[in-house]
């Protein structure tokens, strides 16, 4: 019943909210687009790759994609730079707005996702956390924006929260119950960059699926994901 509900919901949204409003001539491309974005949730949006995969032109992608945001099926997370380096990647990341929908579009059920080795477990866990952070920012008394960070050298941080006053919190999301020192590599990289630029880096956090709170050095800490609701 859960699978049927998700399939019916997505089909209804695509047909009633989009197809009837706009002159959508390639419904197959629209449906294929949301499935592709589910399979790549949390990855950067590369319009050329998306068009090539769907076998449509870029104009079709440019026209159809915004509708998926309008009906709240997906949302974008912009890159963060703050002029720390000229090599920051500018493409946004795209997340499916509901992990239940994403899992269903991937063909994954709860039993499969309980296996840490399942390739969908990590991206779906990251999607869930990013979506929750986005929701909490909407009512938080602290005004902050949600970003991700990656530069062309390979440095990458899942979430960068920057408050209106310039304070920065960085978050790595790990689908593991045993965080390790190497999980903090890029958090430390970003901390040092912000410090050198004269910014205010508050803390780097690794959110994990375990239960322990562990310090990992200067302004670095590992926290259970459940702490987001305490």
C-alpha atoms as a PDB file:
ATOM      1  CA  UNK A   1       0.000   0.000   0.000  1.00  0.00           C
ATOM      2  CA  UNK A   2       2.878   2.377   0.747  1.00  0.00           C
ATOM      3  CA  UNK A   3       4.403   1.803  -2.681  1.00  0.00           C
ATOM      4  CA  UNK A   4       1.061   2.322  -4.409  1.00  0.00           C
ATOM      5  CA  UNK A   5       0.424   5.528  -2.458  1.00  0.00           C
ATOM      6  CA  UNK A   6       3.775   7.041  -3.412  1.00  0.00           C
ATOM      7  CA  UNK A   7       3.369   6.080  -7.065  1.00  0.00           C
ATOM      8  CA  UNK A   8      -0.146   7.521  -7.177  1.00  0.00           C
ATOM      9  CA  UNK A   9       0.953  10.721  -5.455  1.00  0.00           C
ATOM     10  CA  UNK A  10       3.802  11.400  -7.870  1.00  0.00           C
ATOM     11  CA  UNK A  11       1.660  10.553 -10.891  1.00  0.00           C
ATOM     12  CA  UNK A  12      -1.148  12.816  -9.670  1.00  0.00           C
ATOM     13  CA  UNK A  13       1.192  15.733  -9.012  1.00  0.00           C
ATOM     14  CA  UNK A  14       2.864  15.406 -12.400  1.00  0.00           C
ATOM     15  CA  UNK A  15      -0.403  15.130 -14.317  1.00  0.00           C
ATOM     16  CA  UNK A  16      -2.718  17.427 -12.359  1.00  0.00           C
ATOM     17  CA  UNK A  17      -0.322  20.102 -11.148  1.00  0.00           C
ATOM     18  CA  UNK A  18       2.032  20.259 -14.130  1.00  0.00           C
ATOM     19  CA  UNK A  19       0.680  18.630 -17.269  1.00  0.00           C
ATOM     20  CA  UNK A  20      -2.692  20.390 -17.071  1.00  0.00           C
ATOM     21  CA  UNK A  21      -1.151  23.772 -16.278  1.00  0.00           C
ATOM     22  CA  UNK A  22       1.599  23.820 -18.876  1.00  0.00           C
ATOM     23  CA  UNK A  23       1.691  22.439 -22.395  1.00  0.00           C
ATOM     24  CA  UNK A  24       3.751  19.372 -21.480  1.00  0.00           C
ATOM     25  CA  UNK A  25       4.228  17.400 -24.676  1.00  0.00           C
ATOM     26  CA  UNK A  26       6.752  14.929 -23.281  1.00  0.00           C
ATOM     27  CA  UNK A  27       5.209  13.501 -20.121  1.00  0.00           C
ATOM     28  CA  UNK A  28       7.622  10.585 -20.373  1.00  0.00           C
ATOM     29  CA  UNK A  29      10.514  13.037 -20.105  1.00  0.00           C
ATOM     30  CA  UNK A  30       8.931  14.743 -17.101  1.00  0.00           C
ATOM     31  CA  UNK A  31       8.402  11.395 -15.335  1.00  0.00           C
ATOM     32  CA  UNK A  32      11.899  10.288 -16.278  1.00  0.00           C
ATOM     33  CA  UNK A  33      13.315  13.510 -14.869  1.00  0.00           C
ATOM     34  CA  UNK A  34      11.918  12.979 -11.362  1.00  0.00           C
ATOM     35  CA  UNK A  35      13.149   9.376 -11.388  1.00  0.00           C
ATOM     36  CA  UNK A  36      16.614  10.488 -12.444  1.00  0.00           C
ATOM     37  CA  UNK A  37      16.710  13.157  -9.754  1.00  0.00           C
ATOM     38  CA  UNK A  38      15.677  10.581  -7.162  1.00  0.00           C
ATOM     39  CA  UNK A  39      18.456   8.236  -8.265  1.00  0.00           C
ATOM     40  CA  UNK A  40      20.959  11.110  -8.001  1.00  0.00           C
ATOM     41  CA  UNK A  41      19.511  12.904  -4.962  1.00  0.00           C
ATOM     42  CA  UNK A  42      22.160  15.027  -3.280  1.00  0.00           C
ATOM     43  CA  UNK A  43      24.274  15.376  -6.398  1.00  0.00           C
ATOM     44  CA  UNK A  44      25.000  18.474  -8.442  1.00  0.00           C
ATOM     45  CA  UNK A  45      22.575  19.403 -11.177  1.00  0.00           C
ATOM     46  CA  UNK A  46      24.314  19.081 -14.543  1.00  0.00           C
ATOM     47  CA  UNK A  47      21.738  20.052 -17.140  1.00  0.00           C
ATOM     48  CA  UNK A  48      23.694  18.600 -20.050  1.00  0.00           C
ATOM     49  CA  UNK A  49      23.971  15.178 -18.402  1.00  0.00           C
ATOM     50  CA  UNK A  50      20.292  15.205 -17.464  1.00  0.00           C
ATOM     51  CA  UNK A  51      19.272  16.082 -21.034  1.00  0.00           C
ATOM     52  CA  UNK A  52      21.540  13.396 -22.482  1.00  0.00           C
ATOM     53  CA  UNK A  53      20.207  10.748 -20.101  1.00  0.00           C
ATOM     54  CA  UNK A  54      16.594  11.599 -20.917  1.00  0.00           C
ATOM     55  CA  UNK A  55      17.414  11.969 -24.644  1.00  0.00           C
ATOM     56  CA  UNK A  56      15.882  15.410 -24.834  1.00  0.00           C
ATOM     57  CA  UNK A  57      17.349  18.812 -25.621  1.00  0.00           C
ATOM     58  CA  UNK A  58      18.521  21.248 -22.955  1.00  0.00           C
ATOM     59  CA  UNK A  59      15.581  23.555 -23.651  1.00  0.00           C
ATOM     60  CA  UNK A  60      13.188  20.808 -22.558  1.00  0.00           C
ATOM     61  CA  UNK A  61      15.108  20.311 -19.302  1.00  0.00           C
ATOM     62  CA  UNK A  62      15.222  24.064 -18.705  1.00  0.00           C
ATOM     63  CA  UNK A  63      11.469  24.246 -19.160  1.00  0.00           C
ATOM     64  CA  UNK A  64      10.397  21.124 -17.244  1.00  0.00           C
ATOM     65  CA  UNK A  65      12.770  21.154 -14.284  1.00  0.00           C
ATOM     66  CA  UNK A  66      11.437  24.341 -12.583  1.00  0.00           C
ATOM     67  CA  UNK A  67       8.007  22.750 -12.403  1.00  0.00           C
ATOM     68  CA  UNK A  68       9.376  19.992 -10.161  1.00  0.00           C
ATOM     69  CA  UNK A  69      10.461  22.675  -7.699  1.00  0.00           C
ATOM     70  CA  UNK A  70       7.175  24.543  -8.029  1.00  0.00           C
ATOM     71  CA  UNK A  71       5.198  21.468  -6.928  1.00  0.00           C
ATOM     72  CA  UNK A  72       7.689  20.772  -4.103  1.00  0.00           C
ATOM     73  CA  UNK A  73       9.009  17.458  -5.401  1.00  0.00           C
ATOM     74  CA  UNK A  74      12.631  18.652  -5.383  1.00  0.00           C
ATOM     75  CA  UNK A  75      14.637  21.585  -4.083  1.00  0.00           C
ATOM     76  CA  UNK A  76      18.076  23.027  -4.728  1.00  0.00           C
ATOM     77  CA  UNK A  77      20.927  23.703  -2.298  1.00  0.00           C
ATOM     78  CA  UNK A  78      23.322  26.356  -3.630  1.00  0.00           C
ATOM     79  CA  UNK A  79      27.094  26.141  -3.374  1.00  0.00           C
ATOM     80  CA  UNK A  80      28.926  28.221  -0.780  1.00  0.00           C
ATOM     81  CA  UNK A  81      32.034  30.189  -1.443  1.00  0.00           C
ATOM     82  CA  UNK A  82      32.365  33.421   0.528  1.00  0.00           C
ATOM     83  CA  UNK A  83      35.314  34.216  -1.747  1.00  0.00           C
ATOM     84  CA  UNK A  84      37.532  31.686   0.041  1.00  0.00           C
ATOM     85  CA  UNK A  85      38.780  30.312  -3.242  1.00  0.00           C
ATOM     86  CA  UNK A  86      38.269  31.079  -6.904  1.00  0.00           C
ATOM     87  CA  UNK A  87      37.830  27.367  -7.586  1.00  0.00           C
ATOM     88  CA  UNK A  88      34.504  26.860  -5.831  1.00  0.00           C
ATOM     89  CA  UNK A  89      32.011  24.870  -7.890  1.00  0.00           C
ATOM     90  CA  UNK A  90      28.910  26.918  -8.704  1.00  0.00           C
ATOM     91  CA  UNK A  91      26.348  24.264  -9.647  1.00  0.00           C
ATOM     92  CA  UNK A  92      23.568  23.603  -7.095  1.00  0.00           C
ATOM     93  CA  UNK A  93      22.819  20.239  -5.591  1.00  0.00           C
ATOM     94  CA  UNK A  94      19.318  18.840  -6.000  1.00  0.00           C
ATOM     95  CA  UNK A  95      17.461  16.877  -3.326  1.00  0.00           C
ATOM     96  CA  UNK A  96      14.133  15.113  -3.515  1.00  0.00           C
ATOM     97  CA  UNK A  97      11.950  16.870  -0.953  1.00  0.00           C
ATOM     98  CA  UNK A  98      10.635  13.652   0.620  1.00  0.00           C
ATOM     99  CA  UNK A  99      12.777  10.590   1.277  1.00  0.00           C
ATOM    100  CA  UNK A 100       9.792   8.271   1.124  1.00  0.00           C
ATOM    101  CA  UNK A 101       9.112   9.403  -2.429  1.00  0.00           C
ATOM    102  CA  UNK A 102      12.807   9.167  -3.282  1.00  0.00           C
ATOM    103  CA  UNK A 103      13.123   5.630  -1.912  1.00  0.00           C
ATOM    104  CA  UNK A 104      10.049   4.508  -3.809  1.00  0.00           C
ATOM    105  CA  UNK A 105      11.289   6.028  -7.064  1.00  0.00           C
ATOM    106  CA  UNK A 106      14.575   4.160  -6.491  1.00  0.00           C
ATOM    107  CA  UNK A 107      12.680   0.921  -5.917  1.00  0.00           C
ATOM    108  CA  UNK A 108      13.983   0.637  -2.342  1.00  0.00           C
ATOM    109  CA  UNK A 109      11.998  -0.644   0.636  1.00  0.00           C
ATOM    110  CA  UNK A 110      12.862  -0.346   4.327  1.00  0.00           C
ATOM    111  CA  UNK A 111      14.388  -3.828   4.559  1.00  0.00           C
ATOM    112  CA  UNK A 112      16.927  -3.026   1.848  1.00  0.00           C
ATOM    113  CA  UNK A 113      17.812   0.318   3.420  1.00  0.00           C
ATOM    114  CA  UNK A 114      18.540  -1.317   6.770  1.00  0.00           C
ATOM    115  CA  UNK A 115      21.670  -2.757   5.171  1.00  0.00           C
ATOM    116  CA  UNK A 116      24.499  -0.194   5.503  1.00  0.00           C
ATOM    117  CA  UNK A 117      26.066  -1.581   2.325  1.00  0.00           C
ATOM    118  CA  UNK A 118      23.062  -0.690   0.183  1.00  0.00           C
ATOM    119  CA  UNK A 119      24.234   2.070  -2.201  1.00  0.00           C
ATOM    120  CA  UNK A 120      21.024   4.037  -1.658  1.00  0.00           C
ATOM    121  CA  UNK A 121      21.336   4.167   2.151  1.00  0.00           C
ATOM    122  CA  UNK A 122      23.916   6.968   2.256  1.00  0.00           C
ATOM    123  CA  UNK A 123      22.259   9.332  -0.258  1.00  0.00           C
ATOM    124  CA  UNK A 124      18.832   8.832   1.325  1.00  0.00           C
ATOM    125  CA  UNK A 125      20.182   9.458   4.826  1.00  0.00           C
ATOM    126  CA  UNK A 126      21.863  12.630   3.597  1.00  0.00           C
ATOM    127  CA  UNK A 127      18.657  13.702   1.845  1.00  0.00           C
ATOM    128  CA  UNK A 128      16.639  13.123   5.011  1.00  0.00           C
ATOM    129  CA  UNK A 129      19.013  15.210   7.140  1.00  0.00           C
ATOM    130  CA  UNK A 130      19.251  18.053   4.604  1.00  0.00           C
ATOM    131  CA  UNK A 131      15.462  18.169   4.336  1.00  0.00           C
ATOM    132  CA  UNK A 132      15.098  18.280   8.119  1.00  0.00           C
ATOM    133  CA  UNK A 133      17.674  21.059   8.440  1.00  0.00           C
ATOM    134  CA  UNK A 134      15.824  23.002   5.768  1.00  0.00           C
ATOM    135  CA  UNK A 135      12.556  22.644   7.683  1.00  0.00           C
ATOM    136  CA  UNK A 136      14.089  23.679  10.990  1.00  0.00           C
ATOM    137  CA  UNK A 137      15.701  26.740   9.449  1.00  0.00           C
ATOM    138  CA  UNK A 138      12.229  27.908   8.419  1.00  0.00           C
ATOM    139  CA  UNK A 139      11.206  28.413  12.058  1.00  0.00           C
ATOM    140  CA  UNK A 140      14.553  28.867  13.802  1.00  0.00           C
ATOM    141  CA  UNK A 141      15.102  32.132  15.671  1.00  0.00           C
ATOM    142  CA  UNK A 142      18.587  32.215  14.119  1.00  0.00           C
ATOM    143  CA  UNK A 143      18.459  33.452  10.546  1.00  0.00           C
ATOM    144  CA  UNK A 144      20.737  31.207   8.475  1.00  0.00           C
ATOM    145  CA  UNK A 145      21.046  29.864   4.958  1.00  0.00           C
ATOM    146  CA  UNK A 146      21.693  26.330   3.807  1.00  0.00           C
ATOM    147  CA  UNK A 147      24.555  25.638   1.382  1.00  0.00           C
ATOM    148  CA  UNK A 148      27.058  22.943   0.453  1.00  0.00           C
ATOM    149  CA  UNK A 149      30.746  23.396  -0.265  1.00  0.00           C
ATOM    150  CA  UNK A 150      32.988  21.847  -2.898  1.00  0.00           C
ATOM    151  CA  UNK A 151      36.009  23.152  -4.746  1.00  0.00           C
ATOM    152  CA  UNK A 152      37.820  21.729  -7.732  1.00  0.00           C
ATOM    153  CA  UNK A 153      40.608  20.308  -5.580  1.00  0.00           C
ATOM    154  CA  UNK A 154      38.138  17.779  -4.173  1.00  0.00           C
ATOM    155  CA  UNK A 155      37.348  19.397  -0.825  1.00  0.00           C
ATOM    156  CA  UNK A 156      33.665  18.786  -0.080  1.00  0.00           C
ATOM    157  CA  UNK A 157      31.316  19.449   2.846  1.00  0.00           C
ATOM    158  CA  UNK A 158      27.691  18.298   2.767  1.00  0.00           C
ATOM    159  CA  UNK A 159      26.143  21.284   4.563  1.00  0.00           C
ATOM    160  CA  UNK A 160      27.340  24.791   5.359  1.00  0.00           C
ATOM    161  CA  UNK A 161      25.012  26.861   7.519  1.00  0.00           C
ATOM    162  CA  UNK A 162      25.833  30.541   7.426  1.00  0.00           C
ATOM    163  CA  UNK A 163      24.021  32.897   9.789  1.00  0.00           C
ATOM    164  CA  UNK A 164      23.115  36.410   8.772  1.00  0.00           C
ATOM    165  CA  UNK A 165      25.892  37.715  11.038  1.00  0.00           C
ATOM    166  CA  UNK A 166      28.500  35.591   9.241  1.00  0.00           C
ATOM    167  CA  UNK A 167      28.877  32.735  11.726  1.00  0.00           C
ATOM    168  CA  UNK A 168      29.442  29.359  10.065  1.00  0.00           C
ATOM    169  CA  UNK A 169      28.543  25.792  11.068  1.00  0.00           C
ATOM    170  CA  UNK A 170      29.627  22.934   8.789  1.00  0.00           C
ATOM    171  CA  UNK A 171      28.042  19.474   8.763  1.00  0.00           C
ATOM    172  CA  UNK A 172      29.093  16.148   7.300  1.00  0.00           C
ATOM    173  CA  UNK A 173      26.414  13.448   7.098  1.00  0.00           C
ATOM    174  CA  UNK A 174      27.615   9.872   7.505  1.00  0.00           C
ATOM    175  CA  UNK A 175      25.474   6.766   7.302  1.00  0.00           C
ATOM    176  CA  UNK A 176      27.564   5.009   9.961  1.00  0.00           C
ATOM    177  CA  UNK A 177      27.311   4.412  13.702  1.00  0.00           C
ATOM    178  CA  UNK A 178      31.083   4.693  14.191  1.00  0.00           C
ATOM    179  CA  UNK A 179      32.465   8.062  13.015  1.00  0.00           C
ATOM    180  CA  UNK A 180      36.221   8.144  12.379  1.00  0.00           C
ATOM    181  CA  UNK A 181      38.845  10.906  12.396  1.00  0.00           C
ATOM    182  CA  UNK A 182      39.036  10.862   8.578  1.00  0.00           C
ATOM    183  CA  UNK A 183      35.343  11.842   8.448  1.00  0.00           C
ATOM    184  CA  UNK A 184      36.459  15.296   9.659  1.00  0.00           C
ATOM    185  CA  UNK A 185      39.027  15.880   6.923  1.00  0.00           C
ATOM    186  CA  UNK A 186      37.058  18.410   4.896  1.00  0.00           C
ATOM    187  CA  UNK A 187      35.439  19.992   7.933  1.00  0.00           C
ATOM    188  CA  UNK A 188      38.919  20.823   9.201  1.00  0.00           C
ATOM    189  CA  UNK A 189      39.853  22.063   5.721  1.00  0.00           C
ATOM    190  CA  UNK A 190      36.890  24.449   5.716  1.00  0.00           C
ATOM    191  CA  UNK A 191      37.511  25.540   9.317  1.00  0.00           C
ATOM    192  CA  UNK A 192      41.068  26.531   8.458  1.00  0.00           C
ATOM    193  CA  UNK A 193      39.973  28.399   5.325  1.00  0.00           C
ATOM    194  CA  UNK A 194      37.341  30.383   7.230  1.00  0.00           C
ATOM    195  CA  UNK A 195      39.805  31.166  10.022  1.00  0.00           C
ATOM    196  CA  UNK A 196      42.405  32.446   7.563  1.00  0.00           C
ATOM    197  CA  UNK A 197      39.799  34.629   5.900  1.00  0.00           C
ATOM    198  CA  UNK A 198      38.974  36.198   9.251  1.00  0.00           C
ATOM    199  CA  UNK A 199      35.549  34.551   9.510  1.00  0.00           C
ATOM    200  CA  UNK A 200      33.831  33.009  12.519  1.00  0.00           C
ATOM    201  CA  UNK A 201      33.765  29.218  12.220  1.00  0.00           C
ATOM    202  CA  UNK A 202      31.749  27.908  15.161  1.00  0.00           C
ATOM    203  CA  UNK A 203      31.836  24.128  14.858  1.00  0.00           C
ATOM    204  CA  UNK A 204      32.188  21.221  12.447  1.00  0.00           C
ATOM    205  CA  UNK A 205      29.730  18.392  13.054  1.00  0.00           C
ATOM    206  CA  UNK A 206      29.590  14.833  11.790  1.00  0.00           C
ATOM    207  CA  UNK A 207      25.996  13.613  12.097  1.00  0.00           C
ATOM    208  CA  UNK A 208      25.870   9.812  12.267  1.00  0.00           C
ATOM    209  CA  UNK A 209      23.423   6.976  12.902  1.00  0.00           C
ATOM    210  CA  UNK A 210      24.935   5.907  16.222  1.00  0.00           C
ATOM    211  CA  UNK A 211      24.175   7.063  19.769  1.00  0.00           C
ATOM    212  CA  UNK A 212      27.442   8.560  21.068  1.00  0.00           C
ATOM    213  CA  UNK A 213      28.581  12.176  21.243  1.00  0.00           C
ATOM    214  CA  UNK A 214      32.319  12.357  20.649  1.00  0.00           C
ATOM    215  CA  UNK A 215      34.803  15.267  20.473  1.00  0.00           C
ATOM    216  CA  UNK A 216      37.285  15.173  17.584  1.00  0.00           C
ATOM    217  CA  UNK A 217      39.587  18.137  18.172  1.00  0.00           C
ATOM    218  CA  UNK A 218      39.371  21.875  17.712  1.00  0.00           C
ATOM    219  CA  UNK A 219      35.695  22.781  17.219  1.00  0.00           C
ATOM    220  CA  UNK A 220      34.954  19.309  15.863  1.00  0.00           C
ATOM    221  CA  UNK A 221      32.336  16.936  17.257  1.00  0.00           C
ATOM    222  CA  UNK A 222      30.447  13.808  16.217  1.00  0.00           C
ATOM    223  CA  UNK A 223      26.754  13.811  17.146  1.00  0.00           C
ATOM    224  CA  UNK A 224      23.883  11.346  16.719  1.00  0.00           C
ATOM    225  CA  UNK A 225      21.440  12.482  14.061  1.00  0.00           C
ATOM    226  CA  UNK A 226      18.709  12.143  16.690  1.00  0.00           C
ATOM    227  CA  UNK A 227      20.171  15.196  18.453  1.00  0.00           C
ATOM    228  CA  UNK A 228      18.502  17.315  15.786  1.00  0.00           C
ATOM    229  CA  UNK A 229      15.213  16.843  17.653  1.00  0.00           C
ATOM    230  CA  UNK A 230      16.446  17.344  21.232  1.00  0.00           C
END
